[in-house]
């Protein structure tokens, strides 16, 4: 692994930087970005580590991307599992081994936590990302993700 690549857990001190990366990622994937919604979700994740965590990715001390890891449970895969719900690297950081180092960091972290399965989300038309993840041993499933936003009383 490249020793220049480091990972910093998102916290109050780097939250603004994290939000900038999320905004870039959403723009890249065509997702509507609502800063306040994402900020509140990030704060909730920081306060509830049982749900997962978010990290900034740095190369030689300069932030170049982020990822978000959500923790869950799935009988099909034998229990505890984790999902990378976001992984974004700025275009100049791509193709330099940073994504590979990030997934190695994630896998090592999950093994230490006793988590047996890693899943991630990728857009169907992102052929470059699909090929990259396949090279790292991830396999697609013939499923369609479905979601519904719920109104929750505050």
Protein backbone atom coordinates (compact mmCIF):
# COMPACT_ATOMS: atom_id res chain seq x y z
CA UNK A 1 0.00 0.00 0.00
CA UNK A 2 1.16 3.53 -0.75
CA UNK A 3 2.35 5.04 2.55
CA UNK A 4 1.31 8.50 1.35
CA UNK A 5 -2.37 7.52 1.45
CA UNK A 6 -4.07 8.13 4.79
CA UNK A 7 -7.62 8.15 6.09
CA UNK A 8 -9.13 10.64 8.51
CA UNK A 9 -12.45 9.93 10.14
CA UNK A 10 -14.95 12.73 9.58
CA UNK A 11 -15.38 14.90 12.67
CA UNK A 12 -16.48 18.43 13.54
CA UNK A 13 -13.10 19.81 12.52
CA UNK A 14 -13.18 18.47 8.96
CA UNK A 15 -16.94 18.39 8.34
CA UNK A 16 -16.87 21.35 5.92
CA UNK A 17 -14.25 19.59 3.79
CA UNK A 18 -16.29 16.39 3.84
CA UNK A 19 -19.39 18.28 2.66
CA UNK A 20 -17.40 19.74 -0.25
CA UNK A 21 -16.43 16.23 -1.37
CA UNK A 22 -19.99 14.94 -1.02
CA UNK A 23 -21.19 17.84 -3.16
CA UNK A 24 -18.59 17.03 -5.84
CA UNK A 25 -19.58 13.35 -5.76
CA UNK A 26 -23.29 14.11 -6.05
CA UNK A 27 -22.62 16.44 -8.98
CA UNK A 28 -20.55 13.67 -10.65
CA UNK A 29 -23.33 11.09 -10.18
CA UNK A 30 -26.23 13.47 -10.89
CA UNK A 31 -27.63 13.33 -7.35
CA UNK A 32 -29.43 16.34 -5.92
CA UNK A 33 -27.26 17.80 -3.16
CA UNK A 34 -29.02 19.29 -0.15
CA UNK A 35 -26.22 20.58 2.08
CA UNK A 36 -28.29 20.79 5.27
CA UNK A 37 -29.70 17.27 4.84
CA UNK A 38 -26.21 15.83 4.31
CA UNK A 39 -24.76 17.87 7.19
CA UNK A 40 -27.43 16.60 9.60
CA UNK A 41 -26.87 13.02 8.44
CA UNK A 42 -23.11 13.38 8.91
CA UNK A 43 -23.62 14.72 12.44
CA UNK A 44 -25.94 11.82 13.26
CA UNK A 45 -23.38 9.33 11.94
CA UNK A 46 -20.62 10.95 14.02
CA UNK A 47 -22.79 10.65 17.14
CA UNK A 48 -23.85 7.05 16.43
CA UNK A 49 -20.80 4.98 15.42
CA UNK A 50 -22.88 1.78 15.56
CA UNK A 51 -24.37 2.96 12.24
CA UNK A 52 -20.97 3.34 10.56
CA UNK A 53 -18.64 6.21 9.78
CA UNK A 54 -17.31 8.49 7.07
CA UNK A 55 -13.68 9.14 6.19
CA UNK A 56 -11.72 11.62 4.15
CA UNK A 57 -9.01 10.16 1.91
CA UNK A 58 -5.68 11.98 1.72
CA UNK A 59 -2.70 11.57 -0.57
CA UNK A 60 0.51 13.06 0.83
CA UNK A 61 -1.56 15.07 3.32
CA UNK A 62 -3.94 16.56 0.72
CA UNK A 63 -7.57 15.46 0.79
CA UNK A 64 -8.57 13.86 -2.52
CA UNK A 65 -11.86 12.12 -1.72
CA UNK A 66 -14.12 10.46 0.80
CA UNK A 67 -16.06 7.31 1.58
CA UNK A 68 -19.00 6.41 3.78
CA UNK A 69 -19.42 3.03 5.42
CA UNK A 70 -22.81 1.93 6.77
CA UNK A 71 -23.03 -1.08 9.10
CA UNK A 72 -25.83 -3.58 8.93
CA UNK A 73 -26.86 -7.21 9.18
CA UNK A 74 -27.79 -9.71 6.45
CA UNK A 75 -28.64 -13.38 6.93
CA UNK A 76 -27.72 -14.20 3.33
CA UNK A 77 -24.12 -13.27 4.04
CA UNK A 78 -23.87 -14.74 7.51
CA UNK A 79 -24.52 -11.79 9.78
CA UNK A 80 -22.78 -8.46 10.13
CA UNK A 81 -22.08 -6.64 6.90
CA UNK A 82 -20.97 -3.23 5.78
CA UNK A 83 -21.93 -1.19 2.75
CA UNK A 84 -19.83 1.49 1.12
CA UNK A 85 -22.61 3.89 0.23
CA UNK A 86 -20.26 6.51 -1.19
CA UNK A 87 -16.72 6.38 -2.52
CA UNK A 88 -15.45 9.37 -4.42
CA UNK A 89 -12.03 10.42 -5.62
CA UNK A 90 -11.41 13.67 -7.46
CA UNK A 91 -10.56 12.94 -11.11
CA UNK A 92 -6.82 13.78 -10.78
CA UNK A 93 -6.55 11.21 -7.94
CA UNK A 94 -7.98 8.35 -10.00
CA UNK A 95 -5.82 5.62 -11.49
CA UNK A 96 -3.03 6.12 -8.96
CA UNK A 97 -3.77 3.24 -6.56
CA UNK A 98 -5.74 5.36 -4.10
CA UNK A 99 -9.00 3.48 -4.67
CA UNK A 100 -7.24 0.15 -4.22
CA UNK A 101 -5.60 1.41 -1.00
CA UNK A 102 -8.97 2.67 0.22
CA UNK A 103 -10.65 -0.70 -0.29
CA UNK A 104 -7.71 -2.45 1.41
CA UNK A 105 -8.13 -0.08 4.39
CA UNK A 106 -11.89 -0.75 4.48
CA UNK A 107 -11.41 -4.53 4.31
CA UNK A 108 -8.77 -4.54 7.06
CA UNK A 109 -11.01 -2.37 9.25
CA UNK A 110 -13.98 -4.68 8.73
CA UNK A 111 -11.96 -7.83 9.44
CA UNK A 112 -10.79 -6.29 12.74
CA UNK A 113 -14.45 -5.61 13.60
CA UNK A 114 -15.49 -9.18 12.78
CA UNK A 115 -17.64 -8.10 9.83
CA UNK A 116 -17.93 -10.82 7.21
CA UNK A 117 -19.25 -9.06 4.12
CA UNK A 118 -18.58 -5.87 2.21
CA UNK A 119 -21.09 -4.47 -0.24
CA UNK A 120 -21.01 -1.26 -2.20
CA UNK A 121 -23.18 0.76 -4.50
CA UNK A 122 -22.18 1.77 -8.01
CA UNK A 123 -24.13 3.28 -10.89
CA UNK A 124 -24.95 0.69 -13.57
CA UNK A 125 -23.47 2.86 -16.33
CA UNK A 126 -20.17 3.56 -14.55
CA UNK A 127 -18.20 0.94 -16.50
CA UNK A 128 -14.82 2.10 -15.17
CA UNK A 129 -15.92 1.69 -11.54
CA UNK A 130 -17.62 -1.65 -12.26
CA UNK A 131 -14.43 -3.02 -13.85
CA UNK A 132 -12.30 -1.70 -10.97
CA UNK A 133 -14.50 -3.31 -8.31
CA UNK A 134 -14.61 -6.62 -10.19
CA UNK A 135 -10.79 -6.65 -10.31
CA UNK A 136 -10.82 -6.33 -6.52
CA UNK A 137 -13.10 -9.35 -6.12
CA UNK A 138 -16.50 -7.71 -5.72
CA UNK A 139 -19.31 -9.43 -7.58
CA UNK A 140 -22.53 -7.87 -8.85
CA UNK A 141 -25.90 -9.34 -7.91
CA UNK A 142 -28.93 -9.38 -10.15
CA UNK A 143 -30.98 -7.18 -7.87
CA UNK A 144 -32.51 -3.78 -8.19
CA UNK A 145 -31.94 -1.48 -5.23
CA UNK A 146 -35.17 0.11 -4.13
CA UNK A 147 -35.70 2.88 -1.61
CA UNK A 148 -38.42 5.05 -0.18
CA UNK A 149 -37.87 8.25 1.76
CA UNK A 150 -39.94 8.25 4.94
CA UNK A 151 -41.22 11.18 6.91
CA UNK A 152 -39.85 10.94 10.42
CA UNK A 153 -41.18 13.11 13.24
CA UNK A 154 -38.42 15.26 14.70
